[in-house]
Amino acid sequence: MAGHIEYFGVARDDLADPDWWYDPKTGRRAPWGYAFDVPYRNEDVTGDIKQIWELSRHQYLTVLAAAYAVTGNDRYAERVAEHLRAWWSANAPLRGVH
């Protein structure tokens, strides 16, 4: 809930309001464009794609959902819903690296 997570030894502190296209390892944001034209293997352009894609697997959302199931506290379920809506809004079909 505090917005902190670590992927592959790289810390992120933006999960309260995530930037789905940002790679904290390189400081780059993946470019927008037609999905099959995005050079996702080029770290100089896109950043470390593993950092970007790992967040978008949403594995941390299951922890929040479990916290809601155990506590009944709506703030956990609301965070899950916020993140899913934000991801859907930021990632149009066939656009970008996702």
PDB file of N, CA and C in Angstrom:
ATOM      1  N   MET A   1       0.823  -1.197   0.000  1.00  0.00           N
ATOM      2  CA  MET A   1       0.000   0.000   0.000  1.00  0.00           C
ATOM      3  C   MET A   1       0.862   1.255   0.000  1.00  0.00           C
ATOM      4  N   ALA A   2       2.085   1.153   0.519  1.00  0.00           N
ATOM      5  CA  ALA A   2       2.958   2.323   0.581  1.00  0.00           C
ATOM      6  C   ALA A   2       3.579   2.643  -0.772  1.00  0.00           C
ATOM      7  N   GLY A   3       3.485   1.720  -1.726  1.00  0.00           N
ATOM      8  CA  GLY A   3       3.994   1.996  -3.065  1.00  0.00           C
ATOM      9  C   GLY A   3       5.416   1.541  -3.318  1.00  0.00           C
ATOM     10  N   HIS A   4       5.932   0.670  -2.471  1.00  0.00           N
ATOM     11  CA  HIS A   4       7.315   0.198  -2.626  1.00  0.00           C
ATOM     12  C   HIS A   4       7.330  -1.265  -3.066  1.00  0.00           C
ATOM     13  N   ILE A   5       8.237  -1.569  -3.997  1.00  0.00           N
ATOM     14  CA  ILE A   5       8.412  -2.947  -4.463  1.00  0.00           C
ATOM     15  C   ILE A   5       9.804  -3.048  -5.071  1.00  0.00           C
ATOM     16  N   GLU A   6      10.301  -4.258  -5.203  1.00  0.00           N
ATOM     17  CA  GLU A   6      11.614  -4.476  -5.811  1.00  0.00           C
ATOM     18  C   GLU A   6      11.503  -5.595  -6.833  1.00  0.00           C
ATOM     19  N   TYR A   7      12.035  -5.334  -8.031  1.00  0.00           N
ATOM     20  CA  TYR A   7      12.105  -6.340  -9.087  1.00  0.00           C
ATOM     21  C   TYR A   7      13.544  -6.492  -9.534  1.00  0.00           C
ATOM     22  N   PHE A   8      14.039  -7.712  -9.491  1.00  0.00           N
ATOM     23  CA  PHE A   8      15.395  -8.019  -9.956  1.00  0.00           C
ATOM     24  C   PHE A   8      16.434  -7.105  -9.308  1.00  0.00           C
ATOM     25  N   GLY A   9      16.253  -6.824  -8.022  1.00  0.00           N
ATOM     26  CA  GLY A   9      17.212  -6.013  -7.283  1.00  0.00           C
ATOM     27  C   GLY A   9      17.085  -4.515  -7.492  1.00  0.00           C
ATOM     28  N   VAL A  10      16.059  -4.079  -8.194  1.00  0.00           N
ATOM     29  CA  VAL A  10      15.847  -2.648  -8.451  1.00  0.00           C
ATOM     30  C   VAL A  10      14.573  -2.207  -7.728  1.00  0.00           C
ATOM     31  N   ALA A  11      14.727  -1.211  -6.856  1.00  0.00           N
ATOM     32  CA  ALA A  11      13.591  -0.730  -6.070  1.00  0.00           C
ATOM     33  C   ALA A  11      12.733   0.228  -6.873  1.00  0.00           C
ATOM     34  N   ARG A  12      11.444   0.158  -6.624  1.00  0.00           N
ATOM     35  CA  ARG A  12      10.476   1.119  -7.178  1.00  0.00           C
ATOM     36  C   ARG A  12       9.720   1.715  -6.010  1.00  0.00           C
ATOM     37  N   ASP A  13       9.474   3.004  -6.104  1.00  0.00           N
ATOM     38  CA  ASP A  13       8.739   3.703  -5.050  1.00  0.00           C
ATOM     39  C   ASP A  13       7.494   4.394  -5.588  1.00  0.00           C
ATOM     40  N   ASP A  14       7.057   4.023  -6.779  1.00  0.00           N
ATOM     41  CA  ASP A  14       5.946   4.730  -7.429  1.00  0.00           C
ATOM     42  C   ASP A  14       4.674   3.893  -7.524  1.00  0.00           C
ATOM     43  N   LEU A  15       4.565   2.846  -6.732  1.00  0.00           N
ATOM     44  CA  LEU A  15       3.395   1.990  -6.897  1.00  0.00           C
ATOM     45  C   LEU A  15       2.109   2.540  -6.305  1.00  0.00           C
ATOM     46  N   ALA A  16       2.171   3.628  -5.569  1.00  0.00           N
ATOM     47  CA  ALA A  16       0.924   4.264  -5.150  1.00  0.00           C
ATOM     48  C   ALA A  16       0.186   4.760  -6.393  1.00  0.00           C
ATOM     49  N   ASP A  17       0.953   5.208  -7.392  1.00  0.00           N
ATOM     50  CA  ASP A  17       0.413   5.658  -8.684  1.00  0.00           C
ATOM     51  C   ASP A  17       1.444   5.297  -9.753  1.00  0.00           C
ATOM     52  N   PRO A  18       1.481   4.045 -10.200  1.00  0.00           N
ATOM     53  CA  PRO A  18       2.571   3.572 -11.061  1.00  0.00           C
ATOM     54  C   PRO A  18       2.606   4.188 -12.458  1.00  0.00           C
ATOM     55  N   ASP A  19       3.825   4.347 -12.932  1.00  0.00           N
ATOM     56  CA  ASP A  19       4.064   4.701 -14.330  1.00  0.00           C
ATOM     57  C   ASP A  19       4.354   3.377 -15.024  1.00  0.00           C
ATOM     58  N   TRP A  20       3.392   2.865 -15.740  1.00  0.00           N
ATOM     59  CA  TRP A  20       3.475   1.528 -16.324  1.00  0.00           C
ATOM     60  C   TRP A  20       4.539   1.411 -17.402  1.00  0.00           C
ATOM     61  N   TRP A  21       5.066   2.511 -17.873  1.00  0.00           N
ATOM     62  CA  TRP A  21       6.029   2.503 -18.971  1.00  0.00           C
ATOM     63  C   TRP A  21       7.440   2.848 -18.521  1.00  0.00           C
ATOM     64  N   TYR A  22       7.622   3.057 -17.234  1.00  0.00           N
ATOM     65  CA  TYR A  22       8.902   3.533 -16.699  1.00  0.00           C
ATOM     66  C   TYR A  22       9.788   2.382 -16.243  1.00  0.00           C
ATOM     67  N   ASP A  23      11.071   2.489 -16.570  1.00  0.00           N
ATOM     68  CA  ASP A  23      12.073   1.536 -16.102  1.00  0.00           C
ATOM     69  C   ASP A  23      12.957   2.240 -15.078  1.00  0.00           C
ATOM     70  N   PRO A  24      12.869   1.908 -13.793  1.00  0.00           N
ATOM     71  CA  PRO A  24      13.668   2.589 -12.779  1.00  0.00           C
ATOM     72  C   PRO A  24      15.155   2.255 -12.858  1.00  0.00           C
ATOM     73  N   LYS A  25      15.500   1.171 -13.496  1.00  0.00           N
ATOM     74  CA  LYS A  25      16.906   0.778 -13.632  1.00  0.00           C
ATOM     75  C   LYS A  25      17.665   1.759 -14.519  1.00  0.00           C
ATOM     76  N   THR A  26      17.079   2.119 -15.656  1.00  0.00           N
ATOM     77  CA  THR A  26      17.751   3.011 -16.606  1.00  0.00           C
ATOM     78  C   THR A  26      17.217   4.439 -16.553  1.00  0.00           C
ATOM     79  N   GLY A  27      16.045   4.617 -15.941  1.00  0.00           N
ATOM     80  CA  GLY A  27      15.420   5.941 -15.919  1.00  0.00           C
ATOM     81  C   GLY A  27      14.696   6.281 -17.211  1.00  0.00           C
ATOM     82  N   ARG A  28      14.529   5.299 -18.084  1.00  0.00           N
ATOM     83  CA  ARG A  28      13.861   5.544 -19.365  1.00  0.00           C
ATOM     84  C   ARG A  28      12.396   5.129 -19.311  1.00  0.00           C
ATOM     85  N   ARG A  29      11.632   5.759 -20.193  1.00  0.00           N
ATOM     86  CA  ARG A  29      10.240   5.363 -20.412  1.00  0.00           C
ATOM     87  C   ARG A  29      10.161   4.745 -21.803  1.00  0.00           C
ATOM     88  N   ALA A  30       9.447   3.658 -21.896  1.00  0.00           N
ATOM     89  CA  ALA A  30       9.268   3.007 -23.190  1.00  0.00           C
ATOM     90  C   ALA A  30       8.491   3.944 -24.121  1.00  0.00           C
ATOM     91  N   PRO A  31       8.841   3.951 -25.396  1.00  0.00           N
ATOM     92  CA  PRO A  31       8.141   4.830 -26.339  1.00  0.00           C
ATOM     93  C   PRO A  31       6.746   4.323 -26.679  1.00  0.00           C
ATOM     94  N   TRP A  32       5.898   5.244 -27.035  1.00  0.00           N
ATOM     95  CA  TRP A  32       4.547   4.959 -27.496  1.00  0.00           C
ATOM     96  C   TRP A  32       4.619   4.658 -28.983  1.00  0.00           C
ATOM     97  N   GLY A  33       3.701   3.931 -29.484  1.00  0.00           N
ATOM     98  CA  GLY A  33       3.631   3.651 -30.906  1.00  0.00           C
ATOM     99  C   GLY A  33       2.984   2.311 -31.151  1.00  0.00           C
ATOM    100  N   TYR A  34       2.895   1.954 -32.405  1.00  0.00           N
ATOM    101  CA  TYR A  34       2.339   0.659 -32.779  1.00  0.00           C
ATOM    102  C   TYR A  34       3.165  -0.434 -32.102  1.00  0.00           C
ATOM    103  N   ALA A  35       2.517  -1.365 -31.448  1.00  0.00           N
ATOM    104  CA  ALA A  35       3.180  -2.350 -30.599  1.00  0.00           C
ATOM    105  C   ALA A  35       4.319  -3.089 -31.296  1.00  0.00           C
ATOM    106  N   PHE A  36       4.125  -3.470 -32.539  1.00  0.00           N
ATOM    107  CA  PHE A  36       5.139  -4.264 -33.216  1.00  0.00           C
ATOM    108  C   PHE A  36       6.286  -3.432 -33.777  1.00  0.00           C
ATOM    109  N   ASP A  37       6.186  -2.109 -33.644  1.00  0.00           N
ATOM    110  CA  ASP A  37       7.282  -1.227 -34.055  1.00  0.00           C
ATOM    111  C   ASP A  37       8.128  -0.755 -32.881  1.00  0.00           C
ATOM    112  N   VAL A  38       7.700  -1.012 -31.663  1.00  0.00           N
ATOM    113  CA  VAL A  38       8.446  -0.576 -30.480  1.00  0.00           C
ATOM    114  C   VAL A  38       9.681  -1.471 -30.323  1.00  0.00           C
ATOM    115  N   PRO A  39      10.874  -0.876 -30.275  1.00  0.00           N
ATOM    116  CA  PRO A  39      12.111  -1.667 -30.173  1.00  0.00           C
ATOM    117  C   PRO A  39      12.366  -2.125 -28.734  1.00  0.00           C
ATOM    118  N   TYR A  40      11.538  -3.035 -28.248  1.00  0.00           N
ATOM    119  CA  TYR A  40      11.581  -3.420 -26.831  1.00  0.00           C
ATOM    120  C   TYR A  40      12.887  -4.114 -26.430  1.00  0.00           C
ATOM    121  N   ARG A  41      13.645  -4.605 -27.365  1.00  0.00           N
ATOM    122  CA  ARG A  41      14.936  -5.235 -27.058  1.00  0.00           C
ATOM    123  C   ARG A  41      16.079  -4.237 -27.000  1.00  0.00           C
ATOM    124  N   ASN A  42      15.826  -2.997 -27.366  1.00  0.00           N
ATOM    125  CA  ASN A  42      16.852  -1.967 -27.367  1.00  0.00           C
ATOM    126  C   ASN A  42      16.769  -1.164 -26.072  1.00  0.00           C
ATOM    127  N   GLU A  43      17.613  -1.496 -25.113  1.00  0.00           N
ATOM    128  CA  GLU A  43      17.585  -0.858 -23.808  1.00  0.00           C
ATOM    129  C   GLU A  43      17.879   0.638 -23.884  1.00  0.00           C
ATOM    130  N   ASP A  44      18.644   1.058 -24.882  1.00  0.00           N
ATOM    131  CA  ASP A  44      18.942   2.490 -25.027  1.00  0.00           C
ATOM    132  C   ASP A  44      17.696   3.293 -25.378  1.00  0.00           C
ATOM    133  N   VAL A  45      16.737   2.666 -26.007  1.00  0.00           N
ATOM    134  CA  VAL A  45      15.501   3.341 -26.407  1.00  0.00           C
ATOM    135  C   VAL A  45      14.375   3.082 -25.406  1.00  0.00           C
ATOM    136  N   THR A  46      14.214   1.843 -25.026  1.00  0.00           N
ATOM    137  CA  THR A  46      13.050   1.420 -24.250  1.00  0.00           C
ATOM    138  C   THR A  46      13.325   1.292 -22.759  1.00  0.00           C
ATOM    139  N   GLY A  47      14.570   1.103 -22.393  1.00  0.00           N
ATOM    140  CA  GLY A  47      14.901   0.767 -21.020  1.00  0.00           C
ATOM    141  C   GLY A  47      14.950  -0.743 -20.887  1.00  0.00           C
ATOM    142  N   ASP A  48      15.085  -1.226 -19.670  1.00  0.00           N
ATOM    143  CA  ASP A  48      15.120  -2.663 -19.421  1.00  0.00           C
ATOM    144  C   ASP A  48      13.683  -3.181 -19.438  1.00  0.00           C
ATOM    145  N   ILE A  49      13.330  -3.861 -20.490  1.00  0.00           N
ATOM    146  CA  ILE A  49      11.949  -4.298 -20.681  1.00  0.00           C
ATOM    147  C   ILE A  49      11.492  -5.227 -19.563  1.00  0.00           C
ATOM    148  N   LYS A  50      12.420  -5.956 -18.954  1.00  0.00           N
ATOM    149  CA  LYS A  50      12.047  -6.842 -17.841  1.00  0.00           C
ATOM    150  C   LYS A  50      11.476  -6.035 -16.680  1.00  0.00           C
ATOM    151  N   GLN A  51      12.032  -4.857 -16.431  1.00  0.00           N
ATOM    152  CA  GLN A  51      11.530  -4.006 -15.353  1.00  0.00           C
ATOM    153  C   GLN A  51      10.112  -3.519 -15.664  1.00  0.00           C
ATOM    154  N   ILE A  52       9.870  -3.176 -16.892  1.00  0.00           N
ATOM    155  CA  ILE A  52       8.555  -2.674 -17.301  1.00  0.00           C
ATOM    156  C   ILE A  52       7.522  -3.797 -17.292  1.00  0.00           C
ATOM    157  N   TRP A  53       7.878  -4.912 -17.867  1.00  0.00           N
ATOM    158  CA  TRP A  53       6.925  -6.016 -17.966  1.00  0.00           C
ATOM    159  C   TRP A  53       6.632  -6.673 -16.617  1.00  0.00           C
ATOM    160  N   GLU A  54       7.625  -6.731 -15.735  1.00  0.00           N
ATOM    161  CA  GLU A  54       7.392  -7.405 -14.449  1.00  0.00           C
ATOM    162  C   GLU A  54       6.285  -6.716 -13.658  1.00  0.00           C
ATOM    163  N   LEU A  55       6.307  -5.400 -13.625  1.00  0.00           N
ATOM    164  CA  LEU A  55       5.250  -4.668 -12.932  1.00  0.00           C
ATOM    165  C   LEU A  55       3.890  -4.980 -13.553  1.00  0.00           C
ATOM    166  N   SER A  56       3.866  -5.087 -14.864  1.00  0.00           N
ATOM    167  CA  SER A  56       2.604  -5.310 -15.575  1.00  0.00           C
ATOM    168  C   SER A  56       2.087  -6.740 -15.471  1.00  0.00           C
ATOM    169  N   ARG A  57       2.807  -7.590 -14.802  1.00  0.00           N
ATOM    170  CA  ARG A  57       2.285  -8.939 -14.519  1.00  0.00           C
ATOM    171  C   ARG A  57       1.304  -8.896 -13.351  1.00  0.00           C
ATOM    172  N   HIS A  58       1.330  -7.811 -12.603  1.00  0.00           N
ATOM    173  CA  HIS A  58       0.373  -7.557 -11.509  1.00  0.00           C
ATOM    174  C   HIS A  58       0.380  -8.624 -10.419  1.00  0.00           C
ATOM    175  N   GLN A  59       1.490  -9.279 -10.207  1.00  0.00           N
ATOM    176  CA  GLN A  59       1.529 -10.325  -9.190  1.00  0.00           C
ATOM    177  C   GLN A  59       1.283  -9.766  -7.792  1.00  0.00           C
ATOM    178  N   TYR A  60       1.676  -8.548  -7.550  1.00  0.00           N
ATOM    179  CA  TYR A  60       1.483  -7.930  -6.236  1.00  0.00           C
ATOM    180  C   TYR A  60      -0.008  -7.712  -5.932  1.00  0.00           C
ATOM    181  N   LEU A  61      -0.840  -7.669  -6.966  1.00  0.00           N
ATOM    182  CA  LEU A  61      -2.272  -7.456  -6.740  1.00  0.00           C
ATOM    183  C   LEU A  61      -2.913  -8.633  -6.005  1.00  0.00           C
ATOM    184  N   THR A  62      -2.360  -9.822  -6.156  1.00  0.00           N
ATOM    185  CA  THR A  62      -2.910 -10.963  -5.420  1.00  0.00           C
ATOM    186  C   THR A  62      -2.672 -10.809  -3.922  1.00  0.00           C
ATOM    187  N   VAL A  63      -1.568 -10.175  -3.536  1.00  0.00           N
ATOM    188  CA  VAL A  63      -1.295  -9.922  -2.121  1.00  0.00           C
ATOM    189  C   VAL A  63      -2.325  -8.936  -1.575  1.00  0.00           C
ATOM    190  N   LEU A  64      -2.607  -7.894  -2.349  1.00  0.00           N
ATOM    191  CA  LEU A  64      -3.620  -6.930  -1.919  1.00  0.00           C
ATOM    192  C   LEU A  64      -5.008  -7.568  -1.857  1.00  0.00           C
ATOM    193  N   ALA A  65      -5.314  -8.410  -2.813  1.00  0.00           N
ATOM    194  CA  ALA A  65      -6.614  -9.101  -2.799  1.00  0.00           C
ATOM    195  C   ALA A  65      -6.715 -10.024  -1.588  1.00  0.00           C
ATOM    196  N   ALA A  66      -5.619 -10.698  -1.253  1.00  0.00           N
ATOM    197  CA  ALA A  66      -5.616 -11.557  -0.073  1.00  0.00           C
ATOM    198  C   ALA A  66      -5.788 -10.733   1.200  1.00  0.00           C
ATOM    199  N   ALA A  67      -5.151  -9.561   1.246  1.00  0.00           N
ATOM    200  CA  ALA A  67      -5.303  -8.685   2.411  1.00  0.00           C
ATOM    201  C   ALA A  67      -6.761  -8.261   2.565  1.00  0.00           C
ATOM    202  N   TYR A  68      -7.408  -7.993   1.459  1.00  0.00           N
ATOM    203  CA  TYR A  68      -8.832  -7.656   1.514  1.00  0.00           C
ATOM    204  C   TYR A  68      -9.656  -8.843   2.015  1.00  0.00           C
ATOM    205  N   ALA A  69      -9.351 -10.033   1.507  1.00  0.00           N
ATOM    206  CA  ALA A  69     -10.105 -11.224   1.906  1.00  0.00           C
ATOM    207  C   ALA A  69      -9.952 -11.500   3.405  1.00  0.00           C
ATOM    208  N   VAL A  70      -8.777 -11.251   3.934  1.00  0.00           N
ATOM    209  CA  VAL A  70      -8.513 -11.528   5.348  1.00  0.00           C
ATOM    210  C   VAL A  70      -9.092 -10.444   6.256  1.00  0.00           C
ATOM    211  N   THR A  71      -8.942  -9.183   5.847  1.00  0.00           N
ATOM    212  CA  THR A  71      -9.324  -8.071   6.733  1.00  0.00           C
ATOM    213  C   THR A  71     -10.702  -7.498   6.442  1.00  0.00           C
ATOM    214  N   GLY A  72     -11.152  -7.623   5.194  1.00  0.00           N
ATOM    215  CA  GLY A  72     -12.405  -6.981   4.801  1.00  0.00           C
ATOM    216  C   GLY A  72     -12.263  -5.482   4.619  1.00  0.00           C
ATOM    217  N   ASN A  73     -11.033  -4.974   4.699  1.00  0.00           N
ATOM    218  CA  ASN A  73     -10.774  -3.545   4.555  1.00  0.00           C
ATOM    219  C   ASN A  73     -10.836  -3.165   3.070  1.00  0.00           C
ATOM    220  N   ASP A  74     -11.773  -2.310   2.738  1.00  0.00           N
ATOM    221  CA  ASP A  74     -12.003  -1.930   1.343  1.00  0.00           C
ATOM    222  C   ASP A  74     -10.806  -1.261   0.676  1.00  0.00           C
ATOM    223  N   ARG A  75      -9.910  -0.665   1.432  1.00  0.00           N
ATOM    224  CA  ARG A  75      -8.794   0.054   0.802  1.00  0.00           C
ATOM    225  C   ARG A  75      -7.927  -0.880  -0.048  1.00  0.00           C
ATOM    226  N   TYR A  76      -7.831  -2.146   0.336  1.00  0.00           N
ATOM    227  CA  TYR A  76      -7.046  -3.105  -0.456  1.00  0.00           C
ATOM    228  C   TYR A  76      -7.734  -3.403  -1.791  1.00  0.00           C
ATOM    229  N   ALA A  77      -9.014  -3.655  -1.746  1.00  0.00           N
ATOM    230  CA  ALA A  77      -9.766  -3.920  -2.977  1.00  0.00           C
ATOM    231  C   ALA A  77      -9.791  -2.682  -3.867  1.00  0.00           C
ATOM    232  N   GLU A  78      -9.910  -1.521  -3.266  1.00  0.00           N
ATOM    233  CA  GLU A  78      -9.914  -0.276  -4.043  1.00  0.00           C
ATOM    234  C   GLU A  78      -8.582  -0.062  -4.745  1.00  0.00           C
ATOM    235  N   ARG A  79      -7.470  -0.393  -4.089  1.00  0.00           N
ATOM    236  CA  ARG A  79      -6.150  -0.245  -4.732  1.00  0.00           C
ATOM    237  C   ARG A  79      -6.034  -1.193  -5.909  1.00  0.00           C
ATOM    238  N   VAL A  80      -6.508  -2.411  -5.762  1.00  0.00           N
ATOM    239  CA  VAL A  80      -6.486  -3.366  -6.880  1.00  0.00           C
ATOM    240  C   VAL A  80      -7.274  -2.795  -8.055  1.00  0.00           C
ATOM    241  N   ALA A  81      -8.472  -2.323  -7.793  1.00  0.00           N
ATOM    242  CA  ALA A  81      -9.315  -1.763  -8.852  1.00  0.00           C
ATOM    243  C   ALA A  81      -8.662  -0.539  -9.487  1.00  0.00           C
ATOM    244  N   GLU A  82      -8.068   0.335  -8.679  1.00  0.00           N
ATOM    245  CA  GLU A  82      -7.381   1.526  -9.205  1.00  0.00           C
ATOM    246  C   GLU A  82      -6.254   1.133 -10.152  1.00  0.00           C
ATOM    247  N   HIS A  83      -5.450   0.145  -9.753  1.00  0.00           N
ATOM    248  CA  HIS A  83      -4.314  -0.257 -10.581  1.00  0.00           C
ATOM    249  C   HIS A  83      -4.763  -0.913 -11.878  1.00  0.00           C
ATOM    250  N   LEU A  84      -5.777  -1.732 -11.810  1.00  0.00           N
ATOM    251  CA  LEU A  84      -6.272  -2.349 -13.045  1.00  0.00           C
ATOM    252  C   LEU A  84      -6.849  -1.304 -13.993  1.00  0.00           C
ATOM    253  N   ARG A  85      -7.642  -0.379 -13.457  1.00  0.00           N
ATOM    254  CA  ARG A  85      -8.196   0.685 -14.318  1.00  0.00           C
ATOM    255  C   ARG A  85      -7.091   1.553 -14.904  1.00  0.00           C
ATOM    256  N   ALA A  86      -6.084   1.879 -14.099  1.00  0.00           N
ATOM    257  CA  ALA A  86      -4.970   2.705 -14.582  1.00  0.00           C
ATOM    258  C   ALA A  86      -4.193   1.981 -15.680  1.00  0.00           C
ATOM    259  N   TRP A  87      -3.969   0.687 -15.487  1.00  0.00           N
ATOM    260  CA  TRP A  87      -3.234  -0.073 -16.498  1.00  0.00           C
ATOM    261  C   TRP A  87      -4.020  -0.123 -17.801  1.00  0.00           C
ATOM    262  N   TRP A  88      -5.317  -0.425 -17.696  1.00  0.00           N
ATOM    263  CA  TRP A  88      -6.156  -0.475 -18.906  1.00  0.00           C
ATOM    264  C   TRP A  88      -6.161   0.868 -19.615  1.00  0.00           C
ATOM    265  N   SER A  89      -6.217   1.934 -18.873  1.00  0.00           N
ATOM    266  CA  SER A  89      -6.251   3.277 -19.457  1.00  0.00           C
ATOM    267  C   SER A  89      -4.928   3.628 -20.152  1.00  0.00           C
ATOM    268  N   ALA A  90      -3.833   3.189 -19.573  1.00  0.00           N
ATOM    269  CA  ALA A  90      -2.499   3.543 -20.098  1.00  0.00           C
ATOM    270  C   ALA A  90      -2.019   2.631 -21.217  1.00  0.00           C
ATOM    271  N   ASN A  91      -2.714   1.534 -21.458  1.00  0.00           N
ATOM    272  CA  ASN A  91      -2.210   0.537 -22.401  1.00  0.00           C
ATOM    273  C   ASN A  91      -3.281   0.121 -23.394  1.00  0.00           C
ATOM    274  N   ALA A  92      -3.477   0.964 -24.368  1.00  0.00           N
ATOM    275  CA  ALA A  92      -4.450   0.670 -25.417  1.00  0.00           C
ATOM    276  C   ALA A  92      -4.000  -0.550 -26.225  1.00  0.00           C
ATOM    277  N   PRO A  93      -4.933  -1.320 -26.736  1.00  0.00           N
ATOM    278  CA  PRO A  93      -4.567  -2.490 -27.539  1.00  0.00           C
ATOM    279  C   PRO A  93      -3.671  -2.113 -28.722  1.00  0.00           C
ATOM    280  N   LEU A  94      -2.643  -2.908 -28.909  1.00  0.00           N
ATOM    281  CA  LEU A  94      -1.677  -2.761 -30.005  1.00  0.00           C
ATOM    282  C   LEU A  94      -0.888  -1.453 -29.953  1.00  0.00           C
ATOM    283  N   ARG A  95      -0.801  -0.823 -28.779  1.00  0.00           N
ATOM    284  CA  ARG A  95      -0.019   0.398 -28.621  1.00  0.00           C
ATOM    285  C   ARG A  95       1.011   0.185 -27.527  1.00  0.00           C
ATOM    286  N   GLY A  96       2.252   0.474 -27.805  1.00  0.00           N
ATOM    287  CA  GLY A  96       3.296   0.422 -26.795  1.00  0.00           C
ATOM    288  C   GLY A  96       3.839  -0.978 -26.528  1.00  0.00           C
ATOM    289  N   VAL A  97       4.584  -1.090 -25.415  1.00  0.00           N
ATOM    290  CA  VAL A  97       5.314  -2.313 -25.102  1.00  0.00           C
ATOM    291  C   VAL A  97       4.474  -3.393 -24.424  1.00  0.00           C
ATOM    292  N   HIS A  98       3.269  -3.076 -24.032  1.00  0.00           N
ATOM    293  CA  HIS A  98       2.455  -4.072 -23.320  1.00  0.00           C
ATOM    294  C   HIS A  98       1.523  -4.779 -24.276  1.00  0.00           C
TER     295      HIS A  98
END
